[in-house]
C-alpha atoms as a PDB file:
ATOM      1  CA  VAL A   1     -23.062  -7.755  -0.107  1.00  0.00           C
ATOM      2  CA  ASN A   2     -23.780  -8.991   3.663  1.00  0.00           C
ATOM      3  CA  PRO A   3     -21.515  -6.316   5.550  1.00  0.00           C
ATOM      4  CA  VAL A   4     -21.738  -8.284   8.873  1.00  0.00           C
ATOM      5  CA  ALA A   5     -19.695 -10.974   6.429  1.00  0.00           C
ATOM      6  CA  LEU A   6     -16.964  -8.250   5.734  1.00  0.00           C
ATOM      7  CA  LYS A   7     -13.792  -8.248   7.500  1.00  0.00           C
ATOM      8  CA  ARG A   8     -13.471  -4.866   7.507  1.00  0.00           C
ATOM      9  CA  LEU A   9      -9.936  -2.780   7.766  1.00  0.00           C
ATOM     10  CA  ASN A  10      -8.926  -0.102   9.619  1.00  0.00           C
ATOM     11  CA  ILE A  11      -7.901   2.452   7.000  1.00  0.00           C
ATOM     12  CA  ASN A  12      -5.492   4.432   9.876  1.00  0.00           C
ATOM     13  CA  THR A  13      -3.154   1.203  10.196  1.00  0.00           C
ATOM     14  CA  ALA A  14      -3.905  -1.081   7.220  1.00  0.00           C
ATOM     15  CA  GLN A  15      -0.627  -1.443   4.804  1.00  0.00           C
ATOM     16  CA  PHE A  16      -0.302  -1.439   0.947  1.00  0.00           C
ATOM     17  CA  ASN A  17      -1.044  -5.011   1.075  1.00  0.00           C
ATOM     18  CA  GLN A  18      -4.003  -5.046   3.179  1.00  0.00           C
ATOM     19  CA  LEU A  19      -5.579  -2.076   1.086  1.00  0.00           C
ATOM     20  CA  SER A  20      -5.192  -4.233  -2.127  1.00  0.00           C
ATOM     21  CA  ALA A  21      -8.019  -7.046  -0.714  1.00  0.00           C
ATOM     22  CA  ILE A  22     -10.561  -4.264  -1.329  1.00  0.00           C
ATOM     23  CA  PRO A  23     -12.287  -4.170  -4.395  1.00  0.00           C
ATOM     24  CA  TYR A  24     -12.483  -0.825  -6.254  1.00  0.00           C
ATOM     25  CA  LEU A  25      -9.243   0.220  -5.255  1.00  0.00           C
ATOM     26  CA  SER A  26      -6.448   0.486  -7.570  1.00  0.00           C
ATOM     27  CA  ASN A  27      -2.755   0.411  -6.825  1.00  0.00           C
ATOM     28  CA  LYS A  28      -2.465   4.133  -7.470  1.00  0.00           C
ATOM     29  CA  GLN A  29      -5.586   5.106  -4.947  1.00  0.00           C
ATOM     30  CA  ILE A  30      -4.188   2.942  -2.509  1.00  0.00           C
ATOM     31  CA  ASN A  31      -0.885   4.676  -2.823  1.00  0.00           C
ATOM     32  CA  ALA A  32      -2.722   8.266  -2.480  1.00  0.00           C
ATOM     33  CA  ILE A  33      -4.666   6.742   0.942  1.00  0.00           C
ATOM     34  CA  ILE A  34      -1.418   5.745   2.508  1.00  0.00           C
ATOM     35  CA  GLN A  35       0.140   8.837   1.516  1.00  0.00           C
ATOM     36  CA  TYR A  36      -2.332  11.335   2.310  1.00  0.00           C
ATOM     37  CA  ARG A  37      -2.540   9.782   6.205  1.00  0.00           C
ATOM     38  CA  LYS A  38       1.181  10.028   6.505  1.00  0.00           C
ATOM     39  CA  GLN A  39       1.579  13.608   5.492  1.00  0.00           C
ATOM     40  CA  HIS A  40      -2.321  14.756   6.889  1.00  0.00           C
ATOM     41  CA  GLY A  41      -2.981  12.205   9.963  1.00  0.00           C
ATOM     42  CA  ASN A  42      -5.333   9.518  10.631  1.00  0.00           C
ATOM     43  CA  TYR A  43      -9.121   9.537   8.790  1.00  0.00           C
ATOM     44  CA  ASN A  44     -12.208  10.402  11.106  1.00  0.00           C
ATOM     45  CA  GLU A  45     -15.034   9.261   8.623  1.00  0.00           C
ATOM     46  CA  PRO A  46     -15.772   8.565   5.230  1.00  0.00           C
ATOM     47  CA  ALA A  47     -15.811  12.417   4.447  1.00  0.00           C
ATOM     48  CA  ASP A  48     -11.892  12.710   5.063  1.00  0.00           C
ATOM     49  CA  LEU A  49     -11.446  10.426   1.832  1.00  0.00           C
ATOM     50  CA  LYS A  50     -12.948  13.373   0.019  1.00  0.00           C
ATOM     51  CA  LYS A  51      -9.833  15.090   0.453  1.00  0.00           C
ATOM     52  CA  ILE A  52      -7.634  12.815  -1.841  1.00  0.00           C
ATOM     53  CA  VAL A  53      -8.270  13.834  -5.435  1.00  0.00           C
ATOM     54  CA  ILE A  54      -8.296  10.846  -7.286  1.00  0.00           C
ATOM     55  CA  LEU A  55     -11.027   8.885  -5.089  1.00  0.00           C
ATOM     56  CA  ASN A  56     -14.680  10.165  -6.152  1.00  0.00           C
ATOM     57  CA  GLN A  57     -17.816  10.012  -4.099  1.00  0.00           C
ATOM     58  CA  GLN A  58     -19.051   7.087  -6.083  1.00  0.00           C
ATOM     59  CA  THR A  59     -15.733   5.342  -5.014  1.00  0.00           C
ATOM     60  CA  ILE A  60     -15.634   6.174  -1.352  1.00  0.00           C
ATOM     61  CA  ASP A  61     -19.256   4.631  -1.441  1.00  0.00           C
ATOM     62  CA  LYS A  62     -18.528   1.476  -2.623  1.00  0.00           C
ATOM     63  CA  ILE A  63     -15.444   0.942  -0.085  1.00  0.00           C
ATOM     64  CA  VAL A  64     -16.750   2.225   2.887  1.00  0.00           C
ATOM     65  CA  PRO A  65     -18.302  -1.150   3.787  1.00  0.00           C
ATOM     66  CA  TYR A  66     -15.170  -2.603   3.785  1.00  0.00           C
ATOM     67  CA  ILE A  67     -13.394  -0.231   5.978  1.00  0.00           C
ATOM     68  CA  SER A  68     -13.132   1.196   9.665  1.00  0.00           C
ATOM     69  CA  PHE A  69     -11.650   4.291  11.253  1.00  0.00           C
END
């Protein structure tokens, strides 16, 4: 994948329907990302996503080219 051609989404402001455009994420994972953000505040780096139990490192690595902070 050419990272320059990707339109990155800000994971701190994106809504469910926007995050659903990212491949590799299930609806359950998207809900977890949004709920964690509501409860704990904004994400600052990819390592913050490790705090979400249903996201493993492999999934995080796959979605990093699609998101910004």
